[in-house]
């Protein structure tokens, strides 16, 4: 996805691991085979999503299948990271298509993970899983609405973006395998409360900024 006048190509905010990604991962684009296209990497999220659901289903009987769920999270991270890098390097031109499909499939992949968790936890905790997904999707909606108004795509919150989020999921899955699914069930309420508070804070901060923009524009 080459650089054009489309603001989503320029993310707003810096994450904890961004500088390491640029240093160690971006150079690998030069070594990728010519037959591999950026849209191949983008669409591969469909495969990773289906595999996450399948492996989570198997994990109901043998929790060790969660190792493969974590492996799919890692694969989705690499495909999601390199699709943009590869497209920009080869000037493939799929900027708007990439923006649309990349973020829509991020939502699909996130939903597949939480669908997997729904299959693992007892009935009492299913509502917690659902509410946590709703809250996390709220961050995505906030970013898209802010982009529509400001033309700045806010990709990180408190220097945390999907890269760090995937690492958290991998650590959580590892704890589930090593200990039990109780790790997931017992931590859900804490994750839910934390992310609700953070989301409320950023919504309040964002609406104040947009309010100021409205007042500034109306006074011209």
C-alpha atoms as a PDB file:
ATOM      1  CA  UNK A   1       0.000   0.000   0.000  1.00  0.00           C
ATOM      2  CA  UNK A   2       2.015   2.969  -1.247  1.00  0.00           C
ATOM      3  CA  UNK A   3       1.814   6.410   0.260  1.00  0.00           C
ATOM      4  CA  UNK A   4      -1.023   8.482  -1.085  1.00  0.00           C
ATOM      5  CA  UNK A   5      -3.216  11.221   0.315  1.00  0.00           C
ATOM      6  CA  UNK A   6      -5.109   8.853   2.586  1.00  0.00           C
ATOM      7  CA  UNK A   7      -4.622   9.718   6.231  1.00  0.00           C
ATOM      8  CA  UNK A   8      -5.082   6.216   7.664  1.00  0.00           C
ATOM      9  CA  UNK A   9      -1.696   5.341   6.235  1.00  0.00           C
ATOM     10  CA  UNK A  10      -0.186   7.651   8.865  1.00  0.00           C
ATOM     11  CA  UNK A  11      -1.063   6.326  12.293  1.00  0.00           C
ATOM     12  CA  UNK A  12      -1.409   8.700  15.196  1.00  0.00           C
ATOM     13  CA  UNK A  13       0.316   7.617  18.413  1.00  0.00           C
ATOM     14  CA  UNK A  14       3.329   5.513  19.270  1.00  0.00           C
ATOM     15  CA  UNK A  15       3.300   2.081  20.906  1.00  0.00           C
ATOM     16  CA  UNK A  16       5.807   0.472  23.231  1.00  0.00           C
ATOM     17  CA  UNK A  17       7.104  -1.950  20.600  1.00  0.00           C
ATOM     18  CA  UNK A  18       6.829   0.148  17.408  1.00  0.00           C
ATOM     19  CA  UNK A  19      10.517   1.064  17.218  1.00  0.00           C
ATOM     20  CA  UNK A  20      11.533  -2.590  17.533  1.00  0.00           C
ATOM     21  CA  UNK A  21       9.104  -3.578  14.782  1.00  0.00           C
ATOM     22  CA  UNK A  22      10.576  -0.981  12.442  1.00  0.00           C
ATOM     23  CA  UNK A  23      14.114  -2.030  13.271  1.00  0.00           C
ATOM     24  CA  UNK A  24      13.820  -5.813  13.116  1.00  0.00           C
ATOM     25  CA  UNK A  25      10.709  -6.624  11.056  1.00  0.00           C
ATOM     26  CA  UNK A  26      10.443  -4.051   8.266  1.00  0.00           C
ATOM     27  CA  UNK A  27      13.773  -5.122   6.640  1.00  0.00           C
ATOM     28  CA  UNK A  28      12.309  -8.615   6.173  1.00  0.00           C
ATOM     29  CA  UNK A  29      10.013  -7.226   3.478  1.00  0.00           C
ATOM     30  CA  UNK A  30      12.994  -7.243   1.099  1.00  0.00           C
ATOM     31  CA  UNK A  31      13.250 -11.025   1.440  1.00  0.00           C
ATOM     32  CA  UNK A  32       9.630 -11.882   0.725  1.00  0.00           C
ATOM     33  CA  UNK A  33       8.914 -13.900  -2.452  1.00  0.00           C
ATOM     34  CA  UNK A  34       7.570 -12.030  -5.463  1.00  0.00           C
ATOM     35  CA  UNK A  35       4.440 -14.189  -5.724  1.00  0.00           C
ATOM     36  CA  UNK A  36       3.337 -13.047  -2.257  1.00  0.00           C
ATOM     37  CA  UNK A  37       1.085  -9.978  -2.448  1.00  0.00           C
ATOM     38  CA  UNK A  38      -0.105  -7.655   0.287  1.00  0.00           C
ATOM     39  CA  UNK A  39      -3.723  -8.740  -0.215  1.00  0.00           C
ATOM     40  CA  UNK A  40      -2.704 -12.377   0.336  1.00  0.00           C
ATOM     41  CA  UNK A  41      -1.464 -11.383   3.784  1.00  0.00           C
ATOM     42  CA  UNK A  42      -4.552  -9.293   4.512  1.00  0.00           C
ATOM     43  CA  UNK A  43      -6.971 -12.074   3.560  1.00  0.00           C
ATOM     44  CA  UNK A  44      -5.016 -14.693   5.499  1.00  0.00           C
ATOM     45  CA  UNK A  45      -6.704 -13.330   8.641  1.00  0.00           C
ATOM     46  CA  UNK A  46      -9.778 -15.284   7.518  1.00  0.00           C
ATOM     47  CA  UNK A  47      -7.760 -18.508   7.772  1.00  0.00           C
ATOM     48  CA  UNK A  48      -6.313 -17.605  11.173  1.00  0.00           C
ATOM     49  CA  UNK A  49      -9.799 -16.724  12.454  1.00  0.00           C
ATOM     50  CA  UNK A  50     -11.277 -20.056  11.381  1.00  0.00           C
ATOM     51  CA  UNK A  51      -8.353 -21.951  12.894  1.00  0.00           C
ATOM     52  CA  UNK A  52      -8.723 -20.087  16.189  1.00  0.00           C
ATOM     53  CA  UNK A  53     -12.366 -21.164  16.385  1.00  0.00           C
ATOM     54  CA  UNK A  54     -11.484 -24.751  15.469  1.00  0.00           C
ATOM     55  CA  UNK A  55      -8.605 -25.049  17.955  1.00  0.00           C
ATOM     56  CA  UNK A  56     -10.685 -23.414  20.711  1.00  0.00           C
ATOM     57  CA  UNK A  57     -13.402 -25.982  20.076  1.00  0.00           C
ATOM     58  CA  UNK A  58     -10.857 -28.784  20.500  1.00  0.00           C
ATOM     59  CA  UNK A  59      -9.504 -27.059  23.634  1.00  0.00           C
ATOM     60  CA  UNK A  60     -12.768 -27.814  25.418  1.00  0.00           C
ATOM     61  CA  UNK A  61     -11.562 -31.407  25.708  1.00  0.00           C
ATOM     62  CA  UNK A  62      -7.804 -30.800  25.770  1.00  0.00           C
ATOM     63  CA  UNK A  63      -6.684 -27.360  26.905  1.00  0.00           C
ATOM     64  CA  UNK A  64      -3.301 -27.815  25.209  1.00  0.00           C
ATOM     65  CA  UNK A  65      -4.953 -26.861  21.916  1.00  0.00           C
ATOM     66  CA  UNK A  66      -4.706 -23.283  23.202  1.00  0.00           C
ATOM     67  CA  UNK A  67      -1.023 -23.374  22.241  1.00  0.00           C
ATOM     68  CA  UNK A  68      -2.168 -23.492  18.620  1.00  0.00           C
ATOM     69  CA  UNK A  69      -4.610 -20.667  19.247  1.00  0.00           C
ATOM     70  CA  UNK A  70      -1.649 -18.601  20.425  1.00  0.00           C
ATOM     71  CA  UNK A  71       0.310 -19.659  17.346  1.00  0.00           C
ATOM     72  CA  UNK A  72      -2.526 -18.378  15.154  1.00  0.00           C
ATOM     73  CA  UNK A  73      -2.432 -15.068  17.037  1.00  0.00           C
ATOM     74  CA  UNK A  74       1.270 -14.843  16.244  1.00  0.00           C
ATOM     75  CA  UNK A  75       0.685 -15.664  12.570  1.00  0.00           C
ATOM     76  CA  UNK A  76      -2.073 -13.082  12.342  1.00  0.00           C
ATOM     77  CA  UNK A  77       0.244 -10.507  13.864  1.00  0.00           C
ATOM     78  CA  UNK A  78       2.896 -11.112  11.210  1.00  0.00           C
ATOM     79  CA  UNK A  79       0.423 -11.117   8.306  1.00  0.00           C
ATOM     80  CA  UNK A  80      -1.299  -7.996   9.660  1.00  0.00           C
ATOM     81  CA  UNK A  81       2.001  -6.189  10.111  1.00  0.00           C
ATOM     82  CA  UNK A  82       3.603  -7.120   6.815  1.00  0.00           C
ATOM     83  CA  UNK A  83       0.627  -6.537   4.517  1.00  0.00           C
ATOM     84  CA  UNK A  84       1.022  -2.766   4.806  1.00  0.00           C
ATOM     85  CA  UNK A  85       4.816  -2.863   4.692  1.00  0.00           C
ATOM     86  CA  UNK A  86       4.835  -5.062   1.603  1.00  0.00           C
ATOM     87  CA  UNK A  87       2.189  -3.013  -0.187  1.00  0.00           C
ATOM     88  CA  UNK A  88       4.030   0.249   0.440  1.00  0.00           C
ATOM     89  CA  UNK A  89       7.374  -1.191  -0.631  1.00  0.00           C
ATOM     90  CA  UNK A  90       6.007  -2.624  -3.894  1.00  0.00           C
ATOM     91  CA  UNK A  91       3.597   0.272  -4.506  1.00  0.00           C
ATOM     92  CA  UNK A  92       0.641  -2.060  -5.073  1.00  0.00           C
ATOM     93  CA  UNK A  93      -1.838   0.800  -4.670  1.00  0.00           C
ATOM     94  CA  UNK A  94      -4.451  -0.996  -2.542  1.00  0.00           C
ATOM     95  CA  UNK A  95      -4.538   1.705   0.098  1.00  0.00           C
ATOM     96  CA  UNK A  96      -8.282   2.170   0.577  1.00  0.00           C
ATOM     97  CA  UNK A  97      -9.058  -1.505   0.024  1.00  0.00           C
ATOM     98  CA  UNK A  98      -6.312  -2.361   2.493  1.00  0.00           C
ATOM     99  CA  UNK A  99      -7.673   0.084   5.061  1.00  0.00           C
ATOM    100  CA  UNK A 100     -11.170  -1.358   4.771  1.00  0.00           C
ATOM    101  CA  UNK A 101     -10.327  -5.060   4.700  1.00  0.00           C
ATOM    102  CA  UNK A 102      -7.442  -4.885   7.163  1.00  0.00           C
ATOM    103  CA  UNK A 103      -9.506  -3.294   9.920  1.00  0.00           C
ATOM    104  CA  UNK A 104     -12.638  -5.284   9.203  1.00  0.00           C
ATOM    105  CA  UNK A 105     -10.666  -8.531   9.405  1.00  0.00           C
ATOM    106  CA  UNK A 106      -9.002  -7.329  12.605  1.00  0.00           C
ATOM    107  CA  UNK A 107     -12.514  -7.181  14.042  1.00  0.00           C
ATOM    108  CA  UNK A 108     -13.302 -10.655  12.659  1.00  0.00           C
ATOM    109  CA  UNK A 109     -10.121 -12.073  14.182  1.00  0.00           C
ATOM    110  CA  UNK A 110     -10.771 -10.455  17.568  1.00  0.00           C
ATOM    111  CA  UNK A 111     -14.295 -11.860  17.518  1.00  0.00           C
ATOM    112  CA  UNK A 112     -12.973 -15.347  16.735  1.00  0.00           C
ATOM    113  CA  UNK A 113     -10.739 -15.234  19.804  1.00  0.00           C
ATOM    114  CA  UNK A 114     -13.620 -14.246  22.056  1.00  0.00           C
ATOM    115  CA  UNK A 115     -15.862 -16.835  20.460  1.00  0.00           C
ATOM    116  CA  UNK A 116     -13.189 -19.342  21.425  1.00  0.00           C
ATOM    117  CA  UNK A 117     -13.199 -18.065  24.998  1.00  0.00           C
ATOM    118  CA  UNK A 118     -16.985 -18.378  25.066  1.00  0.00           C
ATOM    119  CA  UNK A 119     -16.598 -22.069  24.280  1.00  0.00           C
ATOM    120  CA  UNK A 120     -14.126 -22.504  27.134  1.00  0.00           C
ATOM    121  CA  UNK A 121     -15.708 -20.752  30.106  1.00  0.00           C
ATOM    122  CA  UNK A 122     -18.641 -21.869  32.218  1.00  0.00           C
ATOM    123  CA  UNK A 123     -22.040 -20.320  31.557  1.00  0.00           C
ATOM    124  CA  UNK A 124     -21.737 -17.826  34.430  1.00  0.00           C
ATOM    125  CA  UNK A 125     -18.707 -16.170  32.772  1.00  0.00           C
ATOM    126  CA  UNK A 126     -20.048 -16.007  29.221  1.00  0.00           C
ATOM    127  CA  UNK A 127     -21.622 -12.599  29.790  1.00  0.00           C
ATOM    128  CA  UNK A 128     -18.238 -11.296  30.979  1.00  0.00           C
ATOM    129  CA  UNK A 129     -16.599 -12.472  27.758  1.00  0.00           C
ATOM    130  CA  UNK A 130     -19.322 -10.858  25.665  1.00  0.00           C
ATOM    131  CA  UNK A 131     -19.143  -7.544  27.549  1.00  0.00           C
ATOM    132  CA  UNK A 132     -15.359  -7.470  27.284  1.00  0.00           C
ATOM    133  CA  UNK A 133     -15.594  -7.897  23.516  1.00  0.00           C
ATOM    134  CA  UNK A 134     -18.137  -5.061  23.369  1.00  0.00           C
ATOM    135  CA  UNK A 135     -15.800  -2.763  25.295  1.00  0.00           C
ATOM    136  CA  UNK A 136     -12.769  -3.606  23.145  1.00  0.00           C
ATOM    137  CA  UNK A 137     -14.768  -2.980  19.974  1.00  0.00           C
ATOM    138  CA  UNK A 138     -15.573   0.403  21.513  1.00  0.00           C
ATOM    139  CA  UNK A 139     -11.904   1.351  21.156  1.00  0.00           C
ATOM    140  CA  UNK A 140     -12.058   0.482  17.457  1.00  0.00           C
ATOM    141  CA  UNK A 141     -15.206   2.537  16.942  1.00  0.00           C
ATOM    142  CA  UNK A 142     -13.633   5.472  18.773  1.00  0.00           C
ATOM    143  CA  UNK A 143     -10.621   5.331  16.442  1.00  0.00           C
ATOM    144  CA  UNK A 144     -12.740   5.197  13.281  1.00  0.00           C
ATOM    145  CA  UNK A 145     -15.015   8.056  14.368  1.00  0.00           C
ATOM    146  CA  UNK A 146     -12.034  10.169  15.373  1.00  0.00           C
ATOM    147  CA  UNK A 147     -10.420   9.476  12.003  1.00  0.00           C
ATOM    148  CA  UNK A 148     -13.572  10.570  10.163  1.00  0.00           C
ATOM    149  CA  UNK A 149     -13.488  13.904  12.001  1.00  0.00           C
ATOM    150  CA  UNK A 150      -9.788  14.678  12.367  1.00  0.00           C
ATOM    151  CA  UNK A 151      -8.208  12.619   9.547  1.00  0.00           C
ATOM    152  CA  UNK A 152      -5.837  11.210  12.165  1.00  0.00           C
ATOM    153  CA  UNK A 153      -6.000   7.471  12.706  1.00  0.00           C
ATOM    154  CA  UNK A 154      -5.490   6.867  16.426  1.00  0.00           C
ATOM    155  CA  UNK A 155      -4.052   3.367  16.612  1.00  0.00           C
ATOM    156  CA  UNK A 156      -2.669   3.258  20.150  1.00  0.00           C
ATOM    157  CA  UNK A 157      -4.009   4.008  23.628  1.00  0.00           C
ATOM    158  CA  UNK A 158      -1.538   4.715  26.442  1.00  0.00           C
ATOM    159  CA  UNK A 159       1.166   3.483  24.031  1.00  0.00           C
ATOM    160  CA  UNK A 160      -0.695   0.174  23.742  1.00  0.00           C
ATOM    161  CA  UNK A 161      -1.844  -1.023  20.332  1.00  0.00           C
ATOM    162  CA  UNK A 162      -2.859  -4.409  18.843  1.00  0.00           C
ATOM    163  CA  UNK A 163       0.757  -5.680  18.957  1.00  0.00           C
ATOM    164  CA  UNK A 164       0.849  -5.441  22.734  1.00  0.00           C
ATOM    165  CA  UNK A 165      -2.727  -6.709  22.901  1.00  0.00           C
ATOM    166  CA  UNK A 166      -1.774  -9.861  21.032  1.00  0.00           C
ATOM    167  CA  UNK A 167       1.122 -10.445  23.429  1.00  0.00           C
ATOM    168  CA  UNK A 168      -1.306 -10.143  26.334  1.00  0.00           C
ATOM    169  CA  UNK A 169      -3.587 -12.738  24.741  1.00  0.00           C
ATOM    170  CA  UNK A 170      -0.664 -15.107  24.209  1.00  0.00           C
ATOM    171  CA  UNK A 171       0.392 -14.725  27.847  1.00  0.00           C
ATOM    172  CA  UNK A 172      -3.194 -15.316  28.950  1.00  0.00           C
ATOM    173  CA  UNK A 173      -3.503 -18.427  26.804  1.00  0.00           C
ATOM    174  CA  UNK A 174      -0.206 -19.725  28.192  1.00  0.00           C
ATOM    175  CA  UNK A 175      -1.482 -19.265  31.736  1.00  0.00           C
ATOM    176  CA  UNK A 176      -4.702 -21.079  30.814  1.00  0.00           C
ATOM    177  CA  UNK A 177      -2.732 -24.084  29.546  1.00  0.00           C
ATOM    178  CA  UNK A 178      -0.230 -24.146  32.419  1.00  0.00           C
ATOM    179  CA  UNK A 179      -2.807 -23.685  35.172  1.00  0.00           C
ATOM    180  CA  UNK A 180      -6.433 -24.000  34.072  1.00  0.00           C
ATOM    181  CA  UNK A 181      -9.298 -22.137  32.440  1.00  0.00           C
ATOM    182  CA  UNK A 182      -9.966 -20.674  35.891  1.00  0.00           C
ATOM    183  CA  UNK A 183      -7.198 -18.164  35.110  1.00  0.00           C
ATOM    184  CA  UNK A 184      -9.375 -16.819  32.315  1.00  0.00           C
ATOM    185  CA  UNK A 185     -12.598 -16.920  34.311  1.00  0.00           C
ATOM    186  CA  UNK A 186     -11.122 -15.233  37.381  1.00  0.00           C
ATOM    187  CA  UNK A 187      -9.403 -12.474  35.405  1.00  0.00           C
ATOM    188  CA  UNK A 188     -12.363 -11.516  33.200  1.00  0.00           C
ATOM    189  CA  UNK A 189     -13.959  -9.130  35.682  1.00  0.00           C
ATOM    190  CA  UNK A 190     -10.647  -7.329  36.264  1.00  0.00           C
ATOM    191  CA  UNK A 191     -10.032  -6.926  32.519  1.00  0.00           C
ATOM    192  CA  UNK A 192     -13.601  -5.717  32.061  1.00  0.00           C
ATOM    193  CA  UNK A 193     -13.401  -3.079  34.804  1.00  0.00           C
ATOM    194  CA  UNK A 194      -9.982  -1.876  33.637  1.00  0.00           C
ATOM    195  CA  UNK A 195     -10.929  -1.494  29.976  1.00  0.00           C
ATOM    196  CA  UNK A 196     -14.261   0.139  30.808  1.00  0.00           C
ATOM    197  CA  UNK A 197     -12.441   2.788  32.848  1.00  0.00           C
ATOM    198  CA  UNK A 198      -9.843   3.351  30.131  1.00  0.00           C
ATOM    199  CA  UNK A 199     -12.496   3.562  27.397  1.00  0.00           C
ATOM    200  CA  UNK A 200     -14.536   6.093  29.385  1.00  0.00           C
ATOM    201  CA  UNK A 201     -11.403   8.187  29.903  1.00  0.00           C
ATOM    202  CA  UNK A 202     -10.531   8.265  26.197  1.00  0.00           C
ATOM    203  CA  UNK A 203     -14.125   8.936  25.137  1.00  0.00           C
ATOM    204  CA  UNK A 204     -14.222  11.877  27.531  1.00  0.00           C
ATOM    205  CA  UNK A 205     -10.856  13.131  26.264  1.00  0.00           C
ATOM    206  CA  UNK A 206     -11.829  12.690  22.601  1.00  0.00           C
ATOM    207  CA  UNK A 207     -15.196  14.419  22.882  1.00  0.00           C
ATOM    208  CA  UNK A 208     -13.529  17.401  24.596  1.00  0.00           C
ATOM    209  CA  UNK A 209     -11.084  17.691  21.716  1.00  0.00           C
ATOM    210  CA  UNK A 210     -13.871  17.468  19.133  1.00  0.00           C
ATOM    211  CA  UNK A 211     -15.934  20.016  21.083  1.00  0.00           C
ATOM    212  CA  UNK A 212     -12.989  22.412  20.896  1.00  0.00           C
ATOM    213  CA  UNK A 213     -12.683  21.833  17.166  1.00  0.00           C
ATOM    214  CA  UNK A 214     -16.353  22.677  16.686  1.00  0.00           C
ATOM    215  CA  UNK A 215     -16.052  25.870  18.739  1.00  0.00           C
ATOM    216  CA  UNK A 216     -12.894  26.875  16.887  1.00  0.00           C
ATOM    217  CA  UNK A 217     -14.482  26.334  13.465  1.00  0.00           C
ATOM    218  CA  UNK A 218     -17.720  28.103  14.366  1.00  0.00           C
ATOM    219  CA  UNK A 219     -15.802  31.177  15.549  1.00  0.00           C
ATOM    220  CA  UNK A 220     -14.003  31.674  12.244  1.00  0.00           C
END
